[in-house]
Amino acid sequence: MRLSRMLSAAILLAGAALILGACTNTDEDVDGAATPVPEVTAPTTGTPEDAPGPAGGGIEPANPKAPPEGTLASGSGSVELGLGSYCWSPPAASGQPALCADAIGVITAVDDLTVEPGETLTIAGEAGTLSWPPMTIADATLYAALDEPVDSQPDFRAWQPQGTVSHGEIVLETHEEIGEHSIVLPHNLEPGRYILAVNYTAGPDRGSDAMYGAVLLVE
């Protein structure tokens, strides 16, 4: 299962709700009154040519060329993180345009990840992808899955979680180390199904942010 297929399917199903456009780029101005709609490029797999590694010598690592891939793991197994809405400014040397894409909700894999209350979940990826600089977690939020997905396909699901008085959103504790990021679940998490939404950023001045999702099952 590839995240590029998940994103492409989500975009087609969104129809008029999907908006592709140029992101604001502080390094370059988008010229021309009529900007052509950019082609959505597939996320890179493996290590891209300009893959960031541990920063050294005061040199800040460059953005990946596209929103990176990643996996979420618990003690029971792992699932691929679904890629939802994003706004991305790749390195100028990549030759790829900056663009934004709005998904129809939180995008997840078709499988749930079984977890336990109080468990620490890990987000990992190949060197140069989601858990490596300059990628950092902006926030991670948990929602009770009160409804079924708004759309379900062989390789992705789309959710629009709604917080309620009795089932509100839960902002989760996160930690970061190079190569592995972690999310801590509450110890008092009740049994049920939850939607995890993780917002990533490649730095406030880079114009690159992306939302990733997964469905958690507490038994």
C-alpha atoms as a PDB file:
ATOM      1  CA  MET A   1       0.000   0.000   0.000  1.00  0.00           C
ATOM      2  CA  ARG A   2       1.428   3.348  -0.979  1.00  0.00           C
ATOM      3  CA  LEU A   3       0.591   6.713   0.499  1.00  0.00           C
ATOM      4  CA  SER A   4       0.698   8.248  -2.966  1.00  0.00           C
ATOM      5  CA  ARG A   5      -2.302   6.053  -3.978  1.00  0.00           C
ATOM      6  CA  MET A   6      -4.096   7.020  -0.753  1.00  0.00           C
ATOM      7  CA  LEU A   7      -3.620  10.711  -1.439  1.00  0.00           C
ATOM      8  CA  SER A   8      -4.579  10.418  -5.111  1.00  0.00           C
ATOM      9  CA  ALA A   9      -7.798   8.585  -4.233  1.00  0.00           C
ATOM     10  CA  ALA A  10      -8.623  11.125  -1.539  1.00  0.00           C
ATOM     11  CA  ILE A  11      -8.142  13.985  -3.986  1.00  0.00           C
ATOM     12  CA  LEU A  12     -10.387  12.400  -6.635  1.00  0.00           C
ATOM     13  CA  LEU A  13     -13.141  11.716  -4.109  1.00  0.00           C
ATOM     14  CA  ALA A  14     -12.973  15.205  -2.681  1.00  0.00           C
ATOM     15  CA  GLY A  15     -14.040  16.663  -6.035  1.00  0.00           C
ATOM     16  CA  ALA A  16     -14.686  20.349  -5.770  1.00  0.00           C
ATOM     17  CA  ALA A  17     -13.636  20.285  -2.126  1.00  0.00           C
ATOM     18  CA  LEU A  18     -10.029  19.588  -3.145  1.00  0.00           C
ATOM     19  CA  ILE A  19      -8.022  22.683  -3.768  1.00  0.00           C
ATOM     20  CA  LEU A  20      -4.568  22.622  -5.256  1.00  0.00           C
ATOM     21  CA  GLY A  21      -2.638  25.839  -5.335  1.00  0.00           C
ATOM     22  CA  ALA A  22       0.727  27.415  -4.828  1.00  0.00           C
ATOM     23  CA  CYS A  23       1.884  27.763  -1.230  1.00  0.00           C
ATOM     24  CA  THR A  24       3.332  30.969   0.060  1.00  0.00           C
ATOM     25  CA  ASN A  25       7.065  30.699  -0.390  1.00  0.00           C
ATOM     26  CA  THR A  26       9.221  33.204   1.399  1.00  0.00           C
ATOM     27  CA  ASP A  27      12.213  32.444  -0.824  1.00  0.00           C
ATOM     28  CA  GLU A  28      10.550  32.766  -4.238  1.00  0.00           C
ATOM     29  CA  ASP A  29       7.598  34.739  -5.592  1.00  0.00           C
ATOM     30  CA  VAL A  30       5.063  32.990  -7.782  1.00  0.00           C
ATOM     31  CA  ASP A  31       4.796  35.211 -10.873  1.00  0.00           C
ATOM     32  CA  GLY A  32       2.112  35.350 -13.520  1.00  0.00           C
ATOM     33  CA  ALA A  33      -1.556  36.115 -13.054  1.00  0.00           C
ATOM     34  CA  ALA A  34      -2.711  32.675 -14.148  1.00  0.00           C
ATOM     35  CA  THR A  35      -0.784  30.058 -12.181  1.00  0.00           C
ATOM     36  CA  PRO A  36      -1.126  26.564 -13.698  1.00  0.00           C
ATOM     37  CA  VAL A  37      -2.447  23.885 -11.367  1.00  0.00           C
ATOM     38  CA  PRO A  38       0.614  21.957 -10.189  1.00  0.00           C
ATOM     39  CA  GLU A  39       0.796  18.206 -10.521  1.00  0.00           C
ATOM     40  CA  VAL A  40       0.719  16.397  -7.187  1.00  0.00           C
ATOM     41  CA  THR A  41       3.975  14.489  -6.952  1.00  0.00           C
ATOM     42  CA  ALA A  42       4.248  11.209  -5.076  1.00  0.00           C
ATOM     43  CA  PRO A  43       5.971  11.252  -1.686  1.00  0.00           C
ATOM     44  CA  THR A  44       9.533  10.036  -1.869  1.00  0.00           C
ATOM     45  CA  THR A  45      10.430   6.610  -0.557  1.00  0.00           C
ATOM     46  CA  GLY A  46      13.782   5.559   0.779  1.00  0.00           C
ATOM     47  CA  THR A  47      16.361   8.335   1.091  1.00  0.00           C
ATOM     48  CA  PRO A  48      16.002  11.280  -1.298  1.00  0.00           C
ATOM     49  CA  GLU A  49      19.068  12.863  -2.840  1.00  0.00           C
ATOM     50  CA  ASP A  50      18.809  15.866  -0.542  1.00  0.00           C
ATOM     51  CA  ALA A  51      17.754  13.753   2.449  1.00  0.00           C
ATOM     52  CA  PRO A  52      18.289  15.585   5.718  1.00  0.00           C
ATOM     53  CA  GLY A  53      20.362  13.978   8.405  1.00  0.00           C
ATOM     54  CA  PRO A  54      21.513  15.127  11.818  1.00  0.00           C
ATOM     55  CA  ALA A  55      22.244  18.825  11.661  1.00  0.00           C
ATOM     56  CA  GLY A  56      25.878  19.737  12.134  1.00  0.00           C
ATOM     57  CA  GLY A  57      28.117  22.736  11.846  1.00  0.00           C
ATOM     58  CA  GLY A  58      25.178  25.081  12.272  1.00  0.00           C
ATOM     59  CA  ILE A  59      23.761  24.073   8.859  1.00  0.00           C
ATOM     60  CA  GLU A  60      20.010  23.516   8.938  1.00  0.00           C
ATOM     61  CA  PRO A  61      18.864  20.486   6.886  1.00  0.00           C
ATOM     62  CA  ALA A  62      16.721  21.075   3.806  1.00  0.00           C
ATOM     63  CA  ASN A  63      13.098  20.104   3.377  1.00  0.00           C
ATOM     64  CA  PRO A  64      12.332  16.746   1.815  1.00  0.00           C
ATOM     65  CA  LYS A  65      11.072  17.133  -1.763  1.00  0.00           C
ATOM     66  CA  ALA A  66       7.526  16.092  -0.778  1.00  0.00           C
ATOM     67  CA  PRO A  67       5.614  15.193   2.405  1.00  0.00           C
ATOM     68  CA  PRO A  68       7.531  12.201   3.798  1.00  0.00           C
ATOM     69  CA  GLU A  69       6.149   8.759   4.600  1.00  0.00           C
ATOM     70  CA  GLY A  70       6.103   7.221   8.050  1.00  0.00           C
ATOM     71  CA  THR A  71       4.734   4.407  10.190  1.00  0.00           C
ATOM     72  CA  LEU A  72       3.079   4.339  13.617  1.00  0.00           C
ATOM     73  CA  ALA A  73       3.924   1.443  15.917  1.00  0.00           C
ATOM     74  CA  SER A  74       2.589   0.061  19.191  1.00  0.00           C
ATOM     75  CA  GLY A  75       3.427  -3.084  21.127  1.00  0.00           C
ATOM     76  CA  SER A  76       0.992  -5.033  18.943  1.00  0.00           C
ATOM     77  CA  GLY A  77       2.269  -4.010  15.498  1.00  0.00           C
ATOM     78  CA  SER A  78       2.413  -1.045  13.131  1.00  0.00           C
ATOM     79  CA  VAL A  79       0.450   0.750  10.405  1.00  0.00           C
ATOM     80  CA  GLU A  80       1.364   3.251   7.733  1.00  0.00           C
ATOM     81  CA  LEU A  81       0.380   6.804   8.536  1.00  0.00           C
ATOM     82  CA  GLY A  82      -2.135   8.278   6.111  1.00  0.00           C
ATOM     83  CA  LEU A  83      -1.272  11.595   4.463  1.00  0.00           C
ATOM     84  CA  GLY A  84      -4.049  14.177   4.482  1.00  0.00           C
ATOM     85  CA  SER A  85      -4.034  17.932   3.870  1.00  0.00           C
ATOM     86  CA  TYR A  86      -0.656  19.542   3.325  1.00  0.00           C
ATOM     87  CA  CYS A  87       1.123  22.663   2.111  1.00  0.00           C
ATOM     88  CA  TRP A  88       4.636  22.015   0.892  1.00  0.00           C
ATOM     89  CA  SER A  89       7.618  24.030  -0.333  1.00  0.00           C
ATOM     90  CA  PRO A  90      10.320  21.677  -1.653  1.00  0.00           C
ATOM     91  CA  PRO A  91      13.956  22.785  -1.980  1.00  0.00           C
ATOM     92  CA  ALA A  92      14.485  25.220  -4.858  1.00  0.00           C
ATOM     93  CA  ALA A  93      17.044  22.861  -6.395  1.00  0.00           C
ATOM     94  CA  SER A  94      14.444  20.088  -6.724  1.00  0.00           C
ATOM     95  CA  GLY A  95      12.660  21.861  -9.564  1.00  0.00           C
ATOM     96  CA  GLN A  96       9.288  20.921  -8.080  1.00  0.00           C
ATOM     97  CA  PRO A  97       6.570  23.535  -7.431  1.00  0.00           C
ATOM     98  CA  ALA A  98       5.286  24.561  -4.032  1.00  0.00           C
ATOM     99  CA  LEU A  99       1.677  23.490  -3.603  1.00  0.00           C
ATOM    100  CA  CYS A 100      -1.177  22.951  -1.161  1.00  0.00           C
ATOM    101  CA  ALA A 101      -3.771  20.166  -1.107  1.00  0.00           C
ATOM    102  CA  ASP A 102      -6.900  19.857   1.025  1.00  0.00           C
ATOM    103  CA  ALA A 103      -8.084  16.316   1.804  1.00  0.00           C
ATOM    104  CA  ILE A 104     -11.670  15.486   2.776  1.00  0.00           C
ATOM    105  CA  GLY A 105     -10.699  14.762   6.363  1.00  0.00           C
ATOM    106  CA  VAL A 106      -8.141  12.833   8.379  1.00  0.00           C
ATOM    107  CA  ILE A 107      -6.733  10.168   6.049  1.00  0.00           C
ATOM    108  CA  THR A 108      -5.741   6.810   7.548  1.00  0.00           C
ATOM    109  CA  ALA A 109      -4.738   3.334   6.470  1.00  0.00           C
ATOM    110  CA  VAL A 110      -7.494   0.708   6.194  1.00  0.00           C
ATOM    111  CA  ASP A 111      -6.233  -1.160   9.283  1.00  0.00           C
ATOM    112  CA  ASP A 112      -6.641  -0.136  12.924  1.00  0.00           C
ATOM    113  CA  LEU A 113      -3.673  -0.185  15.303  1.00  0.00           C
ATOM    114  CA  THR A 114      -4.365  -1.961  18.602  1.00  0.00           C
ATOM    115  CA  VAL A 115      -2.982   0.019  21.557  1.00  0.00           C
ATOM    116  CA  GLU A 116      -3.136   0.062  25.351  1.00  0.00           C
ATOM    117  CA  PRO A 117      -3.933   2.985  27.690  1.00  0.00           C
ATOM    118  CA  GLY A 118      -0.750   4.767  28.735  1.00  0.00           C
ATOM    119  CA  GLU A 119       1.258   3.209  25.910  1.00  0.00           C
ATOM    120  CA  THR A 120       3.965   5.137  24.070  1.00  0.00           C
ATOM    121  CA  LEU A 121       3.555   4.931  20.289  1.00  0.00           C
ATOM    122  CA  THR A 122       6.491   5.505  17.970  1.00  0.00           C
ATOM    123  CA  ILE A 123       6.643   7.216  14.590  1.00  0.00           C
ATOM    124  CA  ALA A 124       9.539   6.148  12.429  1.00  0.00           C
ATOM    125  CA  GLY A 125      10.696   6.261   8.831  1.00  0.00           C
ATOM    126  CA  GLU A 126      13.708   5.830   6.611  1.00  0.00           C
ATOM    127  CA  ALA A 127      16.587   8.272   7.074  1.00  0.00           C
ATOM    128  CA  GLY A 128      15.546  11.550   5.527  1.00  0.00           C
ATOM    129  CA  THR A 129      11.825  11.026   6.036  1.00  0.00           C
ATOM    130  CA  LEU A 130       9.179  11.745   8.657  1.00  0.00           C
ATOM    131  CA  SER A 131      11.107  11.333  11.900  1.00  0.00           C
ATOM    132  CA  TRP A 132      14.285  13.084  10.744  1.00  0.00           C
ATOM    133  CA  PRO A 133      15.169  16.800  10.723  1.00  0.00           C
ATOM    134  CA  PRO A 134      13.779  19.202   9.860  1.00  0.00           C
ATOM    135  CA  MET A 135      10.438  17.422  10.497  1.00  0.00           C
ATOM    136  CA  THR A 136       8.944  18.083  13.933  1.00  0.00           C
ATOM    137  CA  ILE A 137       5.541  17.390  15.502  1.00  0.00           C
ATOM    138  CA  ALA A 138       3.464  20.556  15.803  1.00  0.00           C
ATOM    139  CA  ASP A 139       0.690  18.766  17.714  1.00  0.00           C
ATOM    140  CA  ALA A 140      -0.993  15.376  18.080  1.00  0.00           C
ATOM    141  CA  THR A 141      -4.715  15.091  18.831  1.00  0.00           C
ATOM    142  CA  LEU A 142      -6.942  12.117  19.629  1.00  0.00           C
ATOM    143  CA  TYR A 143     -10.665  12.004  18.805  1.00  0.00           C
ATOM    144  CA  ALA A 144     -13.260   9.382  19.678  1.00  0.00           C
ATOM    145  CA  ALA A 145     -14.428   7.692  16.462  1.00  0.00           C
ATOM    146  CA  LEU A 146     -18.135   8.325  16.966  1.00  0.00           C
ATOM    147  CA  ASP A 147     -19.028   7.838  13.299  1.00  0.00           C
ATOM    148  CA  GLU A 148     -17.937   5.639  10.431  1.00  0.00           C
ATOM    149  CA  PRO A 149     -15.484   7.076   7.875  1.00  0.00           C
ATOM    150  CA  VAL A 150     -16.922   9.526   5.351  1.00  0.00           C
ATOM    151  CA  ASP A 151     -15.274   7.419   2.675  1.00  0.00           C
ATOM    152  CA  SER A 152     -13.570   4.037   2.577  1.00  0.00           C
ATOM    153  CA  GLN A 153     -11.518   2.581  -0.273  1.00  0.00           C
ATOM    154  CA  PRO A 154      -9.268  -0.491  -0.624  1.00  0.00           C
ATOM    155  CA  ASP A 155      -6.195   1.544   0.346  1.00  0.00           C
ATOM    156  CA  PHE A 156      -7.404   4.397   2.558  1.00  0.00           C
ATOM    157  CA  ARG A 157     -10.150   5.735   4.826  1.00  0.00           C
ATOM    158  CA  ALA A 158     -11.233   9.350   5.325  1.00  0.00           C
ATOM    159  CA  TRP A 159     -12.629  10.613   8.640  1.00  0.00           C
ATOM    160  CA  GLN A 160     -14.183  13.831   9.860  1.00  0.00           C
ATOM    161  CA  PRO A 161     -13.991  13.520  13.652  1.00  0.00           C
ATOM    162  CA  GLN A 162     -16.352  15.620  15.737  1.00  0.00           C
ATOM    163  CA  GLY A 163     -15.624  16.391  19.373  1.00  0.00           C
ATOM    164  CA  THR A 164     -18.593  16.382  21.779  1.00  0.00           C
ATOM    165  CA  VAL A 165     -19.125  17.324  25.394  1.00  0.00           C
ATOM    166  CA  SER A 166     -18.642  13.722  26.519  1.00  0.00           C
ATOM    167  CA  HIS A 167     -16.135  12.768  23.827  1.00  0.00           C
ATOM    168  CA  GLY A 168     -13.902  15.765  23.278  1.00  0.00           C
ATOM    169  CA  GLU A 169     -10.525  15.965  21.640  1.00  0.00           C
ATOM    170  CA  ILE A 170      -7.426  14.999  23.626  1.00  0.00           C
ATOM    171  CA  VAL A 171      -4.137  16.802  23.025  1.00  0.00           C
ATOM    172  CA  LEU A 172      -1.375  14.236  23.450  1.00  0.00           C
ATOM    173  CA  GLU A 173       2.121  14.446  24.886  1.00  0.00           C
ATOM    174  CA  THR A 174       4.854  14.036  22.261  1.00  0.00           C
ATOM    175  CA  HIS A 175       8.629  13.527  22.307  1.00  0.00           C
ATOM    176  CA  GLU A 176      11.226  13.735  19.566  1.00  0.00           C
ATOM    177  CA  GLU A 177      14.575  12.101  18.923  1.00  0.00           C
ATOM    178  CA  ILE A 178      16.335  11.950  15.584  1.00  0.00           C
ATOM    179  CA  GLY A 179      14.999   8.916  13.746  1.00  0.00           C
ATOM    180  CA  GLU A 180      12.120   8.209  16.148  1.00  0.00           C
ATOM    181  CA  HIS A 181       9.296  10.388  17.431  1.00  0.00           C
ATOM    182  CA  SER A 182       6.874   9.235  20.131  1.00  0.00           C
ATOM    183  CA  ILE A 183       3.308   9.941  21.251  1.00  0.00           C
ATOM    184  CA  VAL A 184       2.092   9.093  24.763  1.00  0.00           C
ATOM    185  CA  LEU A 185      -1.498   7.924  25.264  1.00  0.00           C
ATOM    186  CA  PRO A 186      -3.434   8.810  28.443  1.00  0.00           C
ATOM    187  CA  HIS A 187      -3.474   6.158  31.174  1.00  0.00           C
ATOM    188  CA  ASN A 188      -7.231   6.589  31.612  1.00  0.00           C
ATOM    189  CA  LEU A 189      -8.083   6.051  27.935  1.00  0.00           C
ATOM    190  CA  GLU A 190     -11.324   4.091  27.775  1.00  0.00           C
ATOM    191  CA  PRO A 191     -11.842   1.100  25.450  1.00  0.00           C
ATOM    192  CA  GLY A 192     -12.999   2.100  22.003  1.00  0.00           C
ATOM    193  CA  ARG A 193     -11.910   3.351  18.613  1.00  0.00           C
ATOM    194  CA  TYR A 194     -10.027   6.629  18.218  1.00  0.00           C
ATOM    195  CA  ILE A 195      -8.767   8.787  15.374  1.00  0.00           C
ATOM    196  CA  LEU A 196      -5.237  10.128  15.762  1.00  0.00           C
ATOM    197  CA  ALA A 197      -4.332  13.305  13.854  1.00  0.00           C
ATOM    198  CA  VAL A 198      -0.674  14.373  13.880  1.00  0.00           C
ATOM    199  CA  ASN A 199       0.342  17.723  12.421  1.00  0.00           C
ATOM    200  CA  TYR A 200       3.944  17.880  11.243  1.00  0.00           C
ATOM    201  CA  THR A 201       5.957  20.913  10.241  1.00  0.00           C
ATOM    202  CA  ALA A 202       9.323  21.400   8.594  1.00  0.00           C
ATOM    203  CA  GLY A 203       9.859  24.654  10.463  1.00  0.00           C
ATOM    204  CA  PRO A 204       7.810  27.852  10.781  1.00  0.00           C
ATOM    205  CA  ASP A 205       9.738  29.641   8.042  1.00  0.00           C
ATOM    206  CA  ARG A 206       9.692  26.809   5.482  1.00  0.00           C
ATOM    207  CA  GLY A 207       6.065  26.806   4.383  1.00  0.00           C
ATOM    208  CA  SER A 208       5.870  23.020   4.755  1.00  0.00           C
ATOM    209  CA  ASP A 209       3.212  21.396   6.937  1.00  0.00           C
ATOM    210  CA  ALA A 210       1.298  18.120   6.638  1.00  0.00           C
ATOM    211  CA  MET A 211      -1.352  16.177   8.558  1.00  0.00           C
ATOM    212  CA  TYR A 212      -1.012  12.447   9.128  1.00  0.00           C
ATOM    213  CA  GLY A 213      -3.607  10.067  10.550  1.00  0.00           C
ATOM    214  CA  ALA A 214      -4.201   6.628  12.041  1.00  0.00           C
ATOM    215  CA  VAL A 215      -7.037   4.760  13.746  1.00  0.00           C
ATOM    216  CA  LEU A 216      -6.320   3.382  17.219  1.00  0.00           C
ATOM    217  CA  LEU A 217      -8.247   0.553  18.845  1.00  0.00           C
ATOM    218  CA  VAL A 218      -8.210   0.313  22.647  1.00  0.00           C
ATOM    219  CA  GLU A 219      -9.462  -3.118  23.737  1.00  0.00           C
END
